């Protein structure tokens, strides 16, 4: 059994983004997207897949930039220790 490679750290801070209630988003889990924090398809062939989520309400959310959160796609503070 092979272990999945570690994701690329896009930045060691969360991305504060405005979301629309009811809209579906695809958070980049591999860290290679040029459209951070969202997926642009750069994960193909890496073993990673984007994390889909639908915004429950409109407003600012803090999406993980280090790609190591245990609460994907949201920041849980893990960037402080990676």
PDB file of N, CA and C in Angstrom:
ATOM      1  N   UNK A   1       0.840  -1.187   0.000  1.00  0.00           N
ATOM      2  CA  UNK A   1       0.000   0.000   0.000  1.00  0.00           C
ATOM      3  C   UNK A   1       0.886   1.252   0.000  1.00  0.00           C
ATOM      4  N   UNK A   2       0.587   2.179  -0.889  1.00  0.00           N
ATOM      5  CA  UNK A   2       1.374   3.402  -0.957  1.00  0.00           C
ATOM      6  C   UNK A   2       0.632   4.532  -0.273  1.00  0.00           C
ATOM      7  N   UNK A   3       1.392   5.374   0.394  1.00  0.00           N
ATOM      8  CA  UNK A   3       0.801   6.525   1.049  1.00  0.00           C
ATOM      9  C   UNK A   3       0.609   7.640   0.032  1.00  0.00           C
ATOM     10  N   UNK A   4      -0.471   8.371   0.219  1.00  0.00           N
ATOM     11  CA  UNK A   4      -0.746   9.515  -0.638  1.00  0.00           C
ATOM     12  C   UNK A   4       0.297  10.599  -0.337  1.00  0.00           C
ATOM     13  N   UNK A   5       0.813  11.267  -1.359  1.00  0.00           N
ATOM     14  CA  UNK A   5       1.791  12.324  -1.107  1.00  0.00           C
ATOM     15  C   UNK A   5       1.164  13.486  -0.341  1.00  0.00           C
ATOM     16  N   UNK A   6       1.991  14.250   0.332  1.00  0.00           N
ATOM     17  CA  UNK A   6       1.494  15.428   1.051  1.00  0.00           C
ATOM     18  C   UNK A   6       1.089  16.489   0.040  1.00  0.00           C
ATOM     19  N   UNK A   7       0.043  17.236   0.332  1.00  0.00           N
ATOM     20  CA  UNK A   7      -0.348  18.311  -0.581  1.00  0.00           C
ATOM     21  C   UNK A   7       0.665  19.452  -0.547  1.00  0.00           C
ATOM     22  N   UNK A   8       0.710  20.202  -1.625  1.00  0.00           N
ATOM     23  CA  UNK A   8       1.554  21.399  -1.707  1.00  0.00           C
ATOM     24  C   UNK A   8       0.937  22.480  -0.818  1.00  0.00           C
ATOM     25  N   UNK A   9       1.751  23.145  -0.023  1.00  0.00           N
ATOM     26  CA  UNK A   9       1.250  24.236   0.821  1.00  0.00           C
ATOM     27  C   UNK A   9       1.147  25.479  -0.053  1.00  0.00           C
ATOM     28  N   UNK A  10      -0.085  25.880  -0.360  1.00  0.00           N
ATOM     29  CA  UNK A  10      -0.297  27.047  -1.216  1.00  0.00           C
ATOM     30  C   UNK A  10       0.067  28.329  -0.462  1.00  0.00           C
ATOM     31  N   UNK A  11      -0.331  28.412   0.801  1.00  0.00           N
ATOM     32  CA  UNK A  11       0.071  29.514   1.677  1.00  0.00           C
ATOM     33  C   UNK A  11      -0.175  29.106   3.115  1.00  0.00           C
ATOM     34  N   UNK A  12       0.605  29.666   4.037  1.00  0.00           N
ATOM     35  CA  UNK A  12       0.471  29.318   5.459  1.00  0.00           C
ATOM     36  C   UNK A  12      -0.458  30.292   6.168  1.00  0.00           C
ATOM     37  N   UNK A  13      -1.642  30.436   5.602  1.00  0.00           N
ATOM     38  CA  UNK A  13      -2.703  31.274   6.157  1.00  0.00           C
ATOM     39  C   UNK A  13      -3.980  30.894   5.433  1.00  0.00           C
ATOM     40  N   UNK A  14      -5.126  31.144   6.044  1.00  0.00           N
ATOM     41  CA  UNK A  14      -6.370  30.841   5.351  1.00  0.00           C
ATOM     42  C   UNK A  14      -6.665  31.864   4.249  1.00  0.00           C
ATOM     43  N   UNK A  15      -7.526  31.483   3.329  1.00  0.00           N
ATOM     44  CA  UNK A  15      -8.031  32.395   2.307  1.00  0.00           C
ATOM     45  C   UNK A  15      -9.399  32.872   2.780  1.00  0.00           C
ATOM     46  N   UNK A  16      -9.563  34.171   2.932  1.00  0.00           N
ATOM     47  CA  UNK A  16     -10.866  34.743   3.274  1.00  0.00           C
ATOM     48  C   UNK A  16     -11.596  35.000   1.963  1.00  0.00           C
ATOM     49  N   UNK A  17     -12.693  34.288   1.735  1.00  0.00           N
ATOM     50  CA  UNK A  17     -13.424  34.437   0.484  1.00  0.00           C
ATOM     51  C   UNK A  17     -14.902  34.681   0.752  1.00  0.00           C
ATOM     52  N   UNK A  18     -15.507  35.451  -0.139  1.00  0.00           N
ATOM     53  CA  UNK A  18     -16.941  35.708  -0.076  1.00  0.00           C
ATOM     54  C   UNK A  18     -17.654  34.600  -0.837  1.00  0.00           C
ATOM     55  N   UNK A  19     -18.654  34.009  -0.215  1.00  0.00           N
ATOM     56  CA  UNK A  19     -19.423  32.957  -0.863  1.00  0.00           C
ATOM     57  C   UNK A  19     -20.890  33.368  -0.945  1.00  0.00           C
ATOM     58  N   UNK A  20     -21.600  32.737  -1.877  1.00  0.00           N
ATOM     59  CA  UNK A  20     -23.017  32.987  -2.074  1.00  0.00           C
ATOM     60  C   UNK A  20     -23.802  31.813  -1.509  1.00  0.00           C
ATOM     61  N   UNK A  21     -24.876  32.092  -0.766  1.00  0.00           N
ATOM     62  CA  UNK A  21     -25.714  31.047  -0.176  1.00  0.00           C
ATOM     63  C   UNK A  21     -26.243  30.123  -1.268  1.00  0.00           C
ATOM     64  N   UNK A  22     -26.124  28.819  -1.043  1.00  0.00           N
ATOM     65  CA  UNK A  22     -26.645  27.823  -1.967  1.00  0.00           C
ATOM     66  C   UNK A  22     -25.748  27.510  -3.151  1.00  0.00           C
ATOM     67  N   UNK A  23     -24.647  28.221  -3.315  1.00  0.00           N
ATOM     68  CA  UNK A  23     -23.742  27.985  -4.440  1.00  0.00           C
ATOM     69  C   UNK A  23     -22.744  26.897  -4.086  1.00  0.00           C
ATOM     70  N   UNK A  24     -22.456  26.030  -5.070  1.00  0.00           N
ATOM     71  CA  UNK A  24     -21.500  24.939  -4.877  1.00  0.00           C
ATOM     72  C   UNK A  24     -20.111  25.397  -5.300  1.00  0.00           C
ATOM     73  N   UNK A  25     -19.112  25.062  -4.475  1.00  0.00           N
ATOM     74  CA  UNK A  25     -17.722  25.427  -4.709  1.00  0.00           C
ATOM     75  C   UNK A  25     -16.860  24.177  -4.655  1.00  0.00           C
ATOM     76  N   UNK A  26     -15.679  24.249  -5.282  1.00  0.00           N
ATOM     77  CA  UNK A  26     -14.733  23.139  -5.274  1.00  0.00           C
ATOM     78  C   UNK A  26     -13.394  23.647  -4.758  1.00  0.00           C
ATOM     79  N   UNK A  27     -13.073  23.278  -3.501  1.00  0.00           N
ATOM     80  CA  UNK A  27     -11.844  23.694  -2.839  1.00  0.00           C
ATOM     81  C   UNK A  27     -10.689  22.822  -3.310  1.00  0.00           C
ATOM     82  N   UNK A  28      -9.573  23.455  -3.651  1.00  0.00           N
ATOM     83  CA  UNK A  28      -8.369  22.746  -4.078  1.00  0.00           C
ATOM     84  C   UNK A  28      -7.751  22.011  -2.890  1.00  0.00           C
ATOM     85  N   UNK A  29      -7.607  20.697  -2.998  1.00  0.00           N
ATOM     86  CA  UNK A  29      -7.016  19.893  -1.926  1.00  0.00           C
ATOM     87  C   UNK A  29      -5.539  19.583  -2.177  1.00  0.00           C
ATOM     88  N   UNK A  30      -5.085  19.711  -3.430  1.00  0.00           N
ATOM     89  CA  UNK A  30      -3.697  19.350  -3.746  1.00  0.00           C
ATOM     90  C   UNK A  30      -2.723  20.507  -3.533  1.00  0.00           C
ATOM     91  N   UNK A  31      -3.226  21.738  -3.595  1.00  0.00           N
ATOM     92  CA  UNK A  31      -2.382  22.909  -3.422  1.00  0.00           C
ATOM     93  C   UNK A  31      -1.735  23.413  -4.699  1.00  0.00           C
ATOM     94  N   UNK A  32      -2.006  22.771  -5.837  1.00  0.00           N
ATOM     95  CA  UNK A  32      -1.355  23.155  -7.093  1.00  0.00           C
ATOM     96  C   UNK A  32      -2.164  24.102  -7.971  1.00  0.00           C
ATOM     97  N   UNK A  33      -3.406  24.352  -7.627  1.00  0.00           N
ATOM     98  CA  UNK A  33      -4.263  25.209  -8.443  1.00  0.00           C
ATOM     99  C   UNK A  33      -3.689  26.617  -8.557  1.00  0.00           C
ATOM    100  N   UNK A  34      -3.828  27.200  -9.725  1.00  0.00           N
ATOM    101  CA  UNK A  34      -3.432  28.597  -9.938  1.00  0.00           C
ATOM    102  C   UNK A  34      -4.594  29.528  -9.573  1.00  0.00           C
ATOM    103  N   UNK A  35      -5.722  28.953  -9.168  1.00  0.00           N
ATOM    104  CA  UNK A  35      -6.929  29.701  -8.826  1.00  0.00           C
ATOM    105  C   UNK A  35      -7.271  29.494  -7.347  1.00  0.00           C
ATOM    106  N   UNK A  36      -6.256  29.531  -6.486  1.00  0.00           N
ATOM    107  CA  UNK A  36      -6.442  29.279  -5.049  1.00  0.00           C
ATOM    108  C   UNK A  36      -7.488  30.205  -4.452  1.00  0.00           C
ATOM    109  N   UNK A  37      -8.301  29.688  -3.550  1.00  0.00           N
ATOM    110  CA  UNK A  37      -8.269  28.356  -2.950  1.00  0.00           C
ATOM    111  C   UNK A  37      -9.130  27.340  -3.692  1.00  0.00           C
ATOM    112  N   UNK A  38      -9.541  27.686  -4.919  1.00  0.00           N
ATOM    113  CA  UNK A  38     -10.449  26.821  -5.655  1.00  0.00           C
ATOM    114  C   UNK A  38      -9.715  25.970  -6.684  1.00  0.00           C
ATOM    115  N   UNK A  39     -10.334  24.865  -7.050  1.00  0.00           N
ATOM    116  CA  UNK A  39      -9.762  23.902  -7.983  1.00  0.00           C
ATOM    117  C   UNK A  39      -9.752  24.446  -9.411  1.00  0.00           C
ATOM    118  N   UNK A  40      -8.655  24.179 -10.123  1.00  0.00           N
ATOM    119  CA  UNK A  40      -8.584  24.506 -11.549  1.00  0.00           C
ATOM    120  C   UNK A  40      -8.235  23.258 -12.373  1.00  0.00           C
ATOM    121  N   UNK A  41      -8.283  22.089 -11.737  1.00  0.00           N
ATOM    122  CA  UNK A  41      -7.987  20.842 -12.443  1.00  0.00           C
ATOM    123  C   UNK A  41      -6.533  20.396 -12.343  1.00  0.00           C
ATOM    124  N   UNK A  42      -5.698  21.161 -11.644  1.00  0.00           N
ATOM    125  CA  UNK A  42      -4.270  20.829 -11.530  1.00  0.00           C
ATOM    126  C   UNK A  42      -4.006  19.526 -10.790  1.00  0.00           C
ATOM    127  N   UNK A  43      -5.006  18.995 -10.088  1.00  0.00           N
ATOM    128  CA  UNK A  43      -4.836  17.760  -9.315  1.00  0.00           C
ATOM    129  C   UNK A  43      -4.776  16.516 -10.190  1.00  0.00           C
ATOM    130  N   UNK A  44      -5.158  16.603 -11.443  1.00  0.00           N
ATOM    131  CA  UNK A  44      -5.225  15.411 -12.289  1.00  0.00           C
ATOM    132  C   UNK A  44      -3.902  14.654 -12.280  1.00  0.00           C
ATOM    133  N   UNK A  45      -3.967  13.379 -11.937  1.00  0.00           N
ATOM    134  CA  UNK A  45      -2.790  12.528 -11.893  1.00  0.00           C
ATOM    135  C   UNK A  45      -2.026  12.577 -10.579  1.00  0.00           C
ATOM    136  N   UNK A  46      -2.523  13.335  -9.590  1.00  0.00           N
ATOM    137  CA  UNK A  46      -1.806  13.469  -8.320  1.00  0.00           C
ATOM    138  C   UNK A  46      -2.355  12.574  -7.221  1.00  0.00           C
ATOM    139  N   UNK A  47      -3.533  12.002  -7.417  1.00  0.00           N
ATOM    140  CA  UNK A  47      -4.169  11.216  -6.366  1.00  0.00           C
ATOM    141  C   UNK A  47      -5.079  12.064  -5.480  1.00  0.00           C
ATOM    142  N   UNK A  48      -5.122  13.358  -5.720  1.00  0.00           N
ATOM    143  CA  UNK A  48      -5.992  14.256  -4.965  1.00  0.00           C
ATOM    144  C   UNK A  48      -7.258  14.547  -5.757  1.00  0.00           C
ATOM    145  N   UNK A  49      -8.310  14.899  -5.048  1.00  0.00           N
ATOM    146  CA  UNK A  49      -9.561  15.355  -5.642  1.00  0.00           C
ATOM    147  C   UNK A  49     -10.005  16.590  -4.889  1.00  0.00           C
ATOM    148  N   UNK A  50     -10.677  17.516  -5.579  1.00  0.00           N
ATOM    149  CA  UNK A  50     -11.163  18.698  -4.881  1.00  0.00           C
ATOM    150  C   UNK A  50     -12.270  18.328  -3.894  1.00  0.00           C
ATOM    151  N   UNK A  51     -12.471  19.174  -2.911  1.00  0.00           N
ATOM    152  CA  UNK A  51     -13.540  18.991  -1.936  1.00  0.00           C
ATOM    153  C   UNK A  51     -14.692  19.905  -2.324  1.00  0.00           C
ATOM    154  N   UNK A  52     -15.827  19.306  -2.646  1.00  0.00           N
ATOM    155  CA  UNK A  52     -17.015  20.082  -3.007  1.00  0.00           C
ATOM    156  C   UNK A  52     -17.750  20.488  -1.740  1.00  0.00           C
ATOM    157  N   UNK A  53     -18.226  21.725  -1.731  1.00  0.00           N
ATOM    158  CA  UNK A  53     -19.073  22.172  -0.627  1.00  0.00           C
ATOM    159  C   UNK A  53     -20.053  23.212  -1.137  1.00  0.00           C
ATOM    160  N   UNK A  54     -21.190  23.287  -0.471  1.00  0.00           N
ATOM    161  CA  UNK A  54     -22.213  24.269  -0.805  1.00  0.00           C
ATOM    162  C   UNK A  54     -22.305  25.248   0.357  1.00  0.00           C
ATOM    163  N   UNK A  55     -22.202  26.527   0.051  1.00  0.00           N
ATOM    164  CA  UNK A  55     -22.264  27.557   1.088  1.00  0.00           C
ATOM    165  C   UNK A  55     -23.664  27.570   1.700  1.00  0.00           C
ATOM    166  N   UNK A  56     -23.721  27.475   3.017  1.00  0.00           N
ATOM    167  CA  UNK A  56     -25.004  27.479   3.706  1.00  0.00           C
ATOM    168  C   UNK A  56     -25.595  28.876   3.777  1.00  0.00           C
ATOM    169  N   UNK A  57     -24.710  29.867   3.870  1.00  0.00           N
ATOM    170  CA  UNK A  57     -25.182  31.248   3.888  1.00  0.00           C
ATOM    171  C   UNK A  57     -24.154  32.130   3.203  1.00  0.00           C
ATOM    172  N   UNK A  58     -24.595  33.305   2.765  1.00  0.00           N
ATOM    173  CA  UNK A  58     -23.693  34.251   2.118  1.00  0.00           C
ATOM    174  C   UNK A  58     -22.811  34.898   3.173  1.00  0.00           C
ATOM    175  N   UNK A  59     -21.568  35.196   2.795  1.00  0.00           N
ATOM    176  CA  UNK A  59     -20.663  35.860   3.718  1.00  0.00           C
ATOM    177  C   UNK A  59     -19.236  35.423   3.500  1.00  0.00           C
ATOM    178  N   UNK A  60     -18.387  35.761   4.444  1.00  0.00           N
ATOM    179  CA  UNK A  60     -16.967  35.426   4.371  1.00  0.00           C
ATOM    180  C   UNK A  60     -16.715  34.097   5.064  1.00  0.00           C
ATOM    181  N   UNK A  61     -15.986  33.218   4.392  1.00  0.00           N
ATOM    182  CA  UNK A  61     -15.534  31.962   4.993  1.00  0.00           C
ATOM    183  C   UNK A  61     -14.012  31.932   4.888  1.00  0.00           C
ATOM    184  N   UNK A  62     -13.391  31.174   5.760  1.00  0.00           N
ATOM    185  CA  UNK A  62     -11.936  31.065   5.780  1.00  0.00           C
ATOM    186  C   UNK A  62     -11.553  29.656   5.343  1.00  0.00           C
ATOM    187  N   UNK A  63     -11.071  29.556   4.104  1.00  0.00           N
ATOM    188  CA  UNK A  63     -10.717  28.273   3.523  1.00  0.00           C
ATOM    189  C   UNK A  63      -9.236  27.998   3.719  1.00  0.00           C
ATOM    190  N   UNK A  64      -8.926  26.761   4.007  1.00  0.00           N
ATOM    191  CA  UNK A  64      -7.557  26.344   4.301  1.00  0.00           C
ATOM    192  C   UNK A  64      -6.617  26.632   3.133  1.00  0.00           C
ATOM    193  N   UNK A  65      -5.483  27.247   3.450  1.00  0.00           N
ATOM    194  CA  UNK A  65      -4.460  27.530   2.448  1.00  0.00           C
ATOM    195  C   UNK A  65      -3.295  26.561   2.505  1.00  0.00           C
ATOM    196  N   UNK A  66      -3.085  25.930   3.671  1.00  0.00           N
ATOM    197  CA  UNK A  66      -1.945  25.008   3.810  1.00  0.00           C
ATOM    198  C   UNK A  66      -2.285  23.604   3.325  1.00  0.00           C
ATOM    199  N   UNK A  67      -3.579  23.338   3.141  1.00  0.00           N
ATOM    200  CA  UNK A  67      -4.088  22.055   2.622  1.00  0.00           C
ATOM    201  C   UNK A  67      -3.911  20.895   3.591  1.00  0.00           C
ATOM    202  N   UNK A  68      -3.656  21.177   4.855  1.00  0.00           N
ATOM    203  CA  UNK A  68      -3.477  20.134   5.861  1.00  0.00           C
ATOM    204  C   UNK A  68      -4.585  20.138   6.923  1.00  0.00           C
ATOM    205  N   UNK A  69      -5.624  20.938   6.756  1.00  0.00           N
ATOM    206  CA  UNK A  69      -6.705  21.009   7.726  1.00  0.00           C
ATOM    207  C   UNK A  69      -7.394  19.661   7.932  1.00  0.00           C
ATOM    208  N   UNK A  70      -7.891  19.433   9.123  1.00  0.00           N
ATOM    209  CA  UNK A  70      -8.694  18.244   9.410  1.00  0.00           C
ATOM    210  C   UNK A  70     -10.171  18.546   9.204  1.00  0.00           C
ATOM    211  N   UNK A  71     -10.484  19.793   8.828  1.00  0.00           N
ATOM    212  CA  UNK A  71     -11.865  20.241   8.673  1.00  0.00           C
ATOM    213  C   UNK A  71     -12.074  20.803   7.261  1.00  0.00           C
ATOM    214  N   UNK A  72     -11.584  20.086   6.256  1.00  0.00           N
ATOM    215  CA  UNK A  72     -11.655  20.566   4.868  1.00  0.00           C
ATOM    216  C   UNK A  72     -13.088  20.915   4.476  1.00  0.00           C
ATOM    217  N   UNK A  73     -13.267  22.024   3.798  1.00  0.00           N
ATOM    218  CA  UNK A  73     -12.269  22.921   3.226  1.00  0.00           C
ATOM    219  C   UNK A  73     -11.884  24.088   4.147  1.00  0.00           C
ATOM    220  N   UNK A  74     -12.393  24.060   5.360  1.00  0.00           N
ATOM    221  CA  UNK A  74     -12.235  25.215   6.248  1.00  0.00           C
ATOM    222  C   UNK A  74     -10.931  25.164   7.050  1.00  0.00           C
ATOM    223  N   UNK A  75     -10.384  26.333   7.330  1.00  0.00           N
ATOM    224  CA  UNK A  75      -9.165  26.449   8.125  1.00  0.00           C
ATOM    225  C   UNK A  75      -9.440  25.997   9.558  1.00  0.00           C
ATOM    226  N   UNK A  76      -8.527  25.199  10.112  1.00  0.00           N
ATOM    227  CA  UNK A  76      -8.626  24.793  11.522  1.00  0.00           C
ATOM    228  C   UNK A  76      -7.386  25.209  12.316  1.00  0.00           C
ATOM    229  N   UNK A  77      -6.547  26.052  11.718  1.00  0.00           N
ATOM    230  CA  UNK A  77      -5.358  26.538  12.405  1.00  0.00           C
ATOM    231  C   UNK A  77      -4.120  25.681  12.219  1.00  0.00           C
ATOM    232  N   UNK A  78      -4.218  24.588  11.475  1.00  0.00           N
ATOM    233  CA  UNK A  78      -3.090  23.700  11.267  1.00  0.00           C
ATOM    234  C   UNK A  78      -1.904  24.415  10.632  1.00  0.00           C
ATOM    235  N   UNK A  79      -2.153  25.480   9.850  1.00  0.00           N
ATOM    236  CA  UNK A  79      -1.062  26.200   9.176  1.00  0.00           C
ATOM    237  C   UNK A  79      -0.023  26.742  10.160  1.00  0.00           C
ATOM    238  N   UNK A  80      -0.398  26.865  11.418  1.00  0.00           N
ATOM    239  CA  UNK A  80       0.543  27.375  12.429  1.00  0.00           C
ATOM    240  C   UNK A  80       1.619  26.353  12.761  1.00  0.00           C
ATOM    241  N   UNK A  81       1.395  25.086  12.405  1.00  0.00           N
ATOM    242  CA  UNK A  81       2.354  24.038  12.779  1.00  0.00           C
ATOM    243  C   UNK A  81       2.931  23.271  11.588  1.00  0.00           C
ATOM    244  N   UNK A  82       2.668  23.707  10.357  1.00  0.00           N
ATOM    245  CA  UNK A  82       3.240  23.001   9.197  1.00  0.00           C
ATOM    246  C   UNK A  82       4.387  23.778   8.593  1.00  0.00           C
TER     247      UNK A  82
END
